[in-house]
Amino acid sequence: RQRFIALTFGYPEAGIETEIIIQESNVNVEDAKKLVAIGNKIRNLTELGLTETVSTRLLVDAGKLIYSGLSKRLSVKVAVVEPLSDEVQVTEALTDLINLMI
């Protein structure tokens, strides 16, 4: 007999995710919107074969780093890119992407 159930969760719509990032990290609206755009772009990249993708939590972490004064690019790299893969080609591709978007 099965004693567990499964629930499927999606990502919040962009406006809600932006508000979550602002509320949790204190980052400004413009930066929060950029983080959401980066998250959505990476989530839709199937070519890289990522086993996991960008969670709202990772975007909040990047927002906290930005708010603390770390550069935007470095914040997204260490909070979003590095946790997703340790393959050099994948991290370079993602780094190039964020450098274009932020």
N, C-alpha and C. Protein backbone atom coordinates (compact mmCIF):
# COMPACT_ATOMS: atom_id res chain seq x y z
N ARG A 1 0.83 -1.17 0.00
CA ARG A 1 0.00 0.00 0.00
C ARG A 1 0.89 1.25 0.00
N GLN A 2 0.55 2.19 -0.82
CA GLN A 2 1.31 3.43 -0.94
C GLN A 2 0.95 4.39 0.19
N ARG A 3 1.95 4.90 0.88
CA ARG A 3 1.69 5.81 2.00
C ARG A 3 2.14 7.24 1.73
N PHE A 4 2.56 7.50 0.51
CA PHE A 4 3.04 8.83 0.17
C PHE A 4 2.26 9.39 -1.00
N ILE A 5 2.23 10.70 -1.08
CA ILE A 5 1.64 11.35 -2.24
C ILE A 5 2.68 12.28 -2.84
N ALA A 6 2.47 12.67 -4.06
CA ALA A 6 3.39 13.60 -4.71
C ALA A 6 2.62 14.84 -5.13
N LEU A 7 3.23 15.97 -4.95
CA LEU A 7 2.66 17.24 -5.37
C LEU A 7 3.61 17.88 -6.37
N THR A 8 3.07 18.40 -7.43
CA THR A 8 3.88 19.09 -8.42
C THR A 8 3.81 20.58 -8.16
N PHE A 9 4.96 21.18 -8.06
CA PHE A 9 5.04 22.62 -7.85
C PHE A 9 5.68 23.26 -9.07
N GLY A 10 5.14 24.39 -9.47
CA GLY A 10 5.74 25.18 -10.53
C GLY A 10 6.42 26.38 -9.90
N TYR A 11 6.88 27.25 -10.74
CA TYR A 11 7.50 28.49 -10.25
C TYR A 11 6.44 29.57 -10.21
N PRO A 12 6.58 30.53 -9.30
CA PRO A 12 5.60 31.62 -9.26
C PRO A 12 5.68 32.46 -10.53
N GLU A 13 4.58 33.09 -10.89
CA GLU A 13 4.61 33.98 -12.05
C GLU A 13 5.58 35.12 -11.74
N ALA A 14 6.06 35.77 -12.80
CA ALA A 14 7.14 36.75 -12.68
C ALA A 14 6.86 37.85 -11.64
N GLY A 15 5.66 38.39 -11.63
CA GLY A 15 5.34 39.46 -10.68
C GLY A 15 5.41 38.99 -9.24
N ILE A 16 4.92 37.81 -8.99
CA ILE A 16 4.96 37.27 -7.62
C ILE A 16 6.39 36.93 -7.22
N GLU A 17 7.14 36.32 -8.14
CA GLU A 17 8.52 35.98 -7.83
C GLU A 17 9.34 37.25 -7.56
N THR A 18 9.08 38.30 -8.31
CA THR A 18 9.77 39.58 -8.09
C THR A 18 9.48 40.09 -6.68
N GLU A 19 8.22 40.03 -6.28
CA GLU A 19 7.84 40.49 -4.93
C GLU A 19 8.50 39.64 -3.84
N ILE A 20 8.59 38.34 -4.07
CA ILE A 20 9.25 37.45 -3.10
C ILE A 20 10.71 37.86 -2.94
N ILE A 21 11.38 38.08 -4.06
CA ILE A 21 12.80 38.44 -4.01
C ILE A 21 12.99 39.78 -3.30
N ILE A 22 12.14 40.75 -3.59
CA ILE A 22 12.22 42.05 -2.93
C ILE A 22 12.01 41.90 -1.42
N GLN A 23 10.97 41.17 -1.05
CA GLN A 23 10.62 41.00 0.36
C GLN A 23 11.72 40.26 1.14
N GLU A 24 12.29 39.22 0.53
CA GLU A 24 13.26 38.38 1.24
C GLU A 24 14.68 38.93 1.22
N SER A 25 15.03 39.74 0.21
CA SER A 25 16.42 40.17 0.09
C SER A 25 16.62 41.67 0.23
N ASN A 26 15.53 42.44 0.18
CA ASN A 26 15.58 43.91 0.25
C ASN A 26 16.22 44.56 -0.98
N VAL A 27 16.39 43.79 -2.05
CA VAL A 27 16.96 44.33 -3.27
C VAL A 27 15.92 45.23 -3.95
N ASN A 28 16.36 46.16 -4.81
CA ASN A 28 15.40 47.06 -5.45
C ASN A 28 14.62 46.35 -6.55
N VAL A 29 13.56 46.98 -7.01
CA VAL A 29 12.64 46.38 -7.98
C VAL A 29 13.36 46.05 -9.29
N GLU A 30 14.18 46.95 -9.77
CA GLU A 30 14.89 46.73 -11.04
C GLU A 30 15.77 45.49 -10.97
N ASP A 31 16.53 45.35 -9.90
CA ASP A 31 17.40 44.19 -9.75
C ASP A 31 16.60 42.91 -9.57
N ALA A 32 15.51 42.98 -8.84
CA ALA A 32 14.65 41.81 -8.65
C ALA A 32 14.08 41.33 -9.99
N LYS A 33 13.65 42.27 -10.82
CA LYS A 33 13.13 41.91 -12.14
C LYS A 33 14.20 41.26 -13.00
N LYS A 34 15.43 41.77 -12.92
CA LYS A 34 16.53 41.17 -13.68
C LYS A 34 16.82 39.76 -13.19
N LEU A 35 16.77 39.56 -11.89
CA LEU A 35 16.99 38.22 -11.34
C LEU A 35 15.92 37.24 -11.82
N VAL A 36 14.68 37.68 -11.83
CA VAL A 36 13.58 36.84 -12.31
C VAL A 36 13.78 36.51 -13.79
N ALA A 37 14.18 37.49 -14.57
CA ALA A 37 14.42 37.26 -16.00
C ALA A 37 15.55 36.24 -16.20
N ILE A 38 16.61 36.36 -15.43
CA ILE A 38 17.71 35.40 -15.51
C ILE A 38 17.22 34.01 -15.12
N GLY A 39 16.48 33.93 -14.03
CA GLY A 39 15.94 32.64 -13.60
C GLY A 39 15.08 31.99 -14.67
N ASN A 40 14.18 32.76 -15.26
CA ASN A 40 13.30 32.22 -16.29
C ASN A 40 14.08 31.79 -17.53
N LYS A 41 15.09 32.56 -17.89
CA LYS A 41 15.91 32.21 -19.06
C LYS A 41 16.63 30.89 -18.82
N ILE A 42 17.25 30.73 -17.67
CA ILE A 42 17.97 29.49 -17.37
C ILE A 42 17.00 28.32 -17.26
N ARG A 43 15.84 28.53 -16.68
CA ARG A 43 14.85 27.45 -16.56
C ARG A 43 14.42 26.92 -17.92
N ASN A 44 14.45 27.79 -18.92
CA ASN A 44 14.02 27.38 -20.27
C ASN A 44 15.16 26.86 -21.13
N LEU A 45 16.37 26.83 -20.61
CA LEU A 45 17.50 26.29 -21.35
C LEU A 45 17.55 24.78 -21.20
N THR A 46 17.20 24.07 -22.22
CA THR A 46 17.25 22.61 -22.16
C THR A 46 18.55 22.08 -22.76
N GLU A 47 19.24 22.92 -23.51
CA GLU A 47 20.45 22.49 -24.22
C GLU A 47 21.59 22.14 -23.28
N LEU A 48 21.61 22.71 -22.10
CA LEU A 48 22.74 22.50 -21.19
C LEU A 48 22.61 21.22 -20.38
N GLY A 49 21.45 20.60 -20.38
CA GLY A 49 21.26 19.35 -19.67
C GLY A 49 21.40 19.46 -18.16
N LEU A 50 20.94 20.55 -17.60
CA LEU A 50 21.02 20.73 -16.15
C LEU A 50 20.08 19.76 -15.45
N THR A 51 20.56 19.11 -14.39
CA THR A 51 19.70 18.21 -13.63
C THR A 51 18.78 18.98 -12.69
N GLU A 52 19.23 20.15 -12.27
CA GLU A 52 18.42 21.05 -11.46
C GLU A 52 18.42 22.41 -12.14
N THR A 53 17.48 23.23 -11.77
CA THR A 53 17.42 24.55 -12.37
C THR A 53 17.32 25.61 -11.28
N VAL A 54 17.09 26.83 -11.67
CA VAL A 54 17.12 27.96 -10.75
C VAL A 54 15.84 28.00 -9.91
N SER A 55 16.01 27.91 -8.62
CA SER A 55 14.88 28.04 -7.71
C SER A 55 14.73 29.50 -7.30
N THR A 56 13.58 29.82 -6.78
CA THR A 56 13.37 31.16 -6.23
C THR A 56 14.34 31.41 -5.09
N ARG A 57 14.65 30.38 -4.33
CA ARG A 57 15.59 30.50 -3.21
C ARG A 57 16.96 30.96 -3.70
N LEU A 58 17.44 30.40 -4.81
CA LEU A 58 18.73 30.82 -5.35
C LEU A 58 18.70 32.29 -5.78
N LEU A 59 17.58 32.70 -6.36
CA LEU A 59 17.44 34.10 -6.77
C LEU A 59 17.41 35.03 -5.56
N VAL A 60 16.77 34.60 -4.49
CA VAL A 60 16.76 35.38 -3.25
C VAL A 60 18.18 35.49 -2.70
N ASP A 61 18.92 34.39 -2.74
CA ASP A 61 20.30 34.42 -2.27
C ASP A 61 21.13 35.42 -3.07
N ALA A 62 20.94 35.43 -4.39
CA ALA A 62 21.65 36.40 -5.23
C ALA A 62 21.24 37.82 -4.85
N GLY A 63 19.96 38.04 -4.61
CA GLY A 63 19.48 39.36 -4.20
C GLY A 63 20.09 39.80 -2.88
N LYS A 64 20.24 38.89 -1.94
CA LYS A 64 20.85 39.23 -0.65
C LYS A 64 22.31 39.65 -0.85
N LEU A 65 23.00 38.95 -1.72
CA LEU A 65 24.40 39.30 -1.97
C LEU A 65 24.51 40.67 -2.65
N ILE A 66 23.61 40.93 -3.60
CA ILE A 66 23.59 42.24 -4.26
C ILE A 66 23.32 43.33 -3.23
N TYR A 67 22.32 43.10 -2.39
CA TYR A 67 21.96 44.09 -1.37
C TYR A 67 23.12 44.34 -0.41
N SER A 68 23.92 43.31 -0.14
CA SER A 68 25.04 43.46 0.79
C SER A 68 26.21 44.23 0.18
N GLY A 69 26.15 44.47 -1.14
CA GLY A 69 27.19 45.27 -1.78
C GLY A 69 28.08 44.52 -2.76
N LEU A 70 27.93 43.21 -2.86
CA LEU A 70 28.70 42.44 -3.83
C LEU A 70 28.22 42.81 -5.23
N SER A 71 29.11 42.77 -6.21
CA SER A 71 28.70 43.14 -7.57
C SER A 71 27.59 42.21 -8.05
N LYS A 72 26.75 42.73 -8.93
CA LYS A 72 25.61 41.96 -9.43
C LYS A 72 26.06 40.69 -10.14
N ARG A 73 27.05 40.83 -11.00
CA ARG A 73 27.52 39.67 -11.77
C ARG A 73 28.10 38.59 -10.86
N LEU A 74 28.92 39.00 -9.92
CA LEU A 74 29.51 38.02 -9.00
C LEU A 74 28.45 37.40 -8.11
N SER A 75 27.49 38.20 -7.68
CA SER A 75 26.40 37.70 -6.85
C SER A 75 25.63 36.59 -7.55
N VAL A 76 25.28 36.83 -8.81
CA VAL A 76 24.52 35.83 -9.56
C VAL A 76 25.39 34.62 -9.86
N LYS A 77 26.66 34.85 -10.14
CA LYS A 77 27.54 33.71 -10.42
C LYS A 77 27.65 32.78 -9.22
N VAL A 78 27.91 33.33 -8.03
CA VAL A 78 28.12 32.45 -6.87
C VAL A 78 26.81 31.91 -6.30
N ALA A 79 25.72 32.64 -6.44
CA ALA A 79 24.46 32.20 -5.85
C ALA A 79 23.61 31.36 -6.80
N VAL A 80 23.79 31.55 -8.12
CA VAL A 80 22.93 30.86 -9.09
C VAL A 80 23.73 29.90 -9.96
N VAL A 81 24.77 30.38 -10.60
CA VAL A 81 25.50 29.56 -11.57
C VAL A 81 26.25 28.42 -10.89
N GLU A 82 27.07 28.74 -9.91
CA GLU A 82 27.92 27.73 -9.28
C GLU A 82 27.12 26.57 -8.65
N PRO A 83 25.98 26.82 -8.00
CA PRO A 83 25.23 25.69 -7.45
C PRO A 83 24.62 24.75 -8.51
N LEU A 84 24.47 25.23 -9.74
CA LEU A 84 23.78 24.44 -10.75
C LEU A 84 24.66 23.41 -11.43
N SER A 85 25.96 23.68 -11.53
CA SER A 85 26.83 22.76 -12.25
C SER A 85 28.28 22.97 -11.86
N ASP A 86 29.05 21.90 -11.96
CA ASP A 86 30.49 22.02 -11.76
C ASP A 86 31.24 21.75 -13.06
N GLU A 87 30.50 21.63 -14.16
CA GLU A 87 31.12 21.44 -15.47
C GLU A 87 31.54 22.80 -16.02
N VAL A 88 32.79 22.90 -16.42
CA VAL A 88 33.36 24.17 -16.86
C VAL A 88 32.58 24.78 -18.02
N GLN A 89 32.26 23.97 -19.02
CA GLN A 89 31.55 24.51 -20.20
C GLN A 89 30.17 25.04 -19.82
N VAL A 90 29.49 24.36 -18.93
CA VAL A 90 28.16 24.80 -18.50
C VAL A 90 28.25 26.09 -17.70
N THR A 91 29.18 26.14 -16.75
CA THR A 91 29.29 27.36 -15.94
C THR A 91 29.75 28.55 -16.78
N GLU A 92 30.61 28.31 -17.76
CA GLU A 92 31.02 29.40 -18.65
C GLU A 92 29.84 29.90 -19.48
N ALA A 93 29.03 28.98 -19.99
CA ALA A 93 27.87 29.38 -20.78
C ALA A 93 26.87 30.17 -19.93
N LEU A 94 26.63 29.71 -18.73
CA LEU A 94 25.70 30.42 -17.84
C LEU A 94 26.27 31.78 -17.42
N THR A 95 27.56 31.83 -17.18
CA THR A 95 28.20 33.10 -16.82
C THR A 95 28.09 34.10 -17.97
N ASP A 96 28.32 33.63 -19.19
CA ASP A 96 28.16 34.50 -20.36
C ASP A 96 26.73 35.03 -20.44
N LEU A 97 25.77 34.16 -20.17
CA LEU A 97 24.36 34.56 -20.21
C LEU A 97 24.06 35.64 -19.19
N ILE A 98 24.48 35.43 -17.95
CA ILE A 98 24.17 36.43 -16.91
C ILE A 98 24.90 37.73 -17.18
N ASN A 99 26.09 37.65 -17.75
CA ASN A 99 26.82 38.88 -18.06
C ASN A 99 26.08 39.71 -19.10
N LEU A 100 25.35 39.06 -19.97
CA LEU A 100 24.55 39.79 -20.97
C LEU A 100 23.27 40.36 -20.37
N MET A 101 22.77 39.72 -19.32
CA MET A 101 21.45 40.07 -18.80
C MET A 101 21.47 41.01 -17.62
N ILE A 102 22.59 41.13 -16.94
CA ILE A 102 22.60 41.96 -15.72
C ILE A 102 23.58 43.12 -15.85
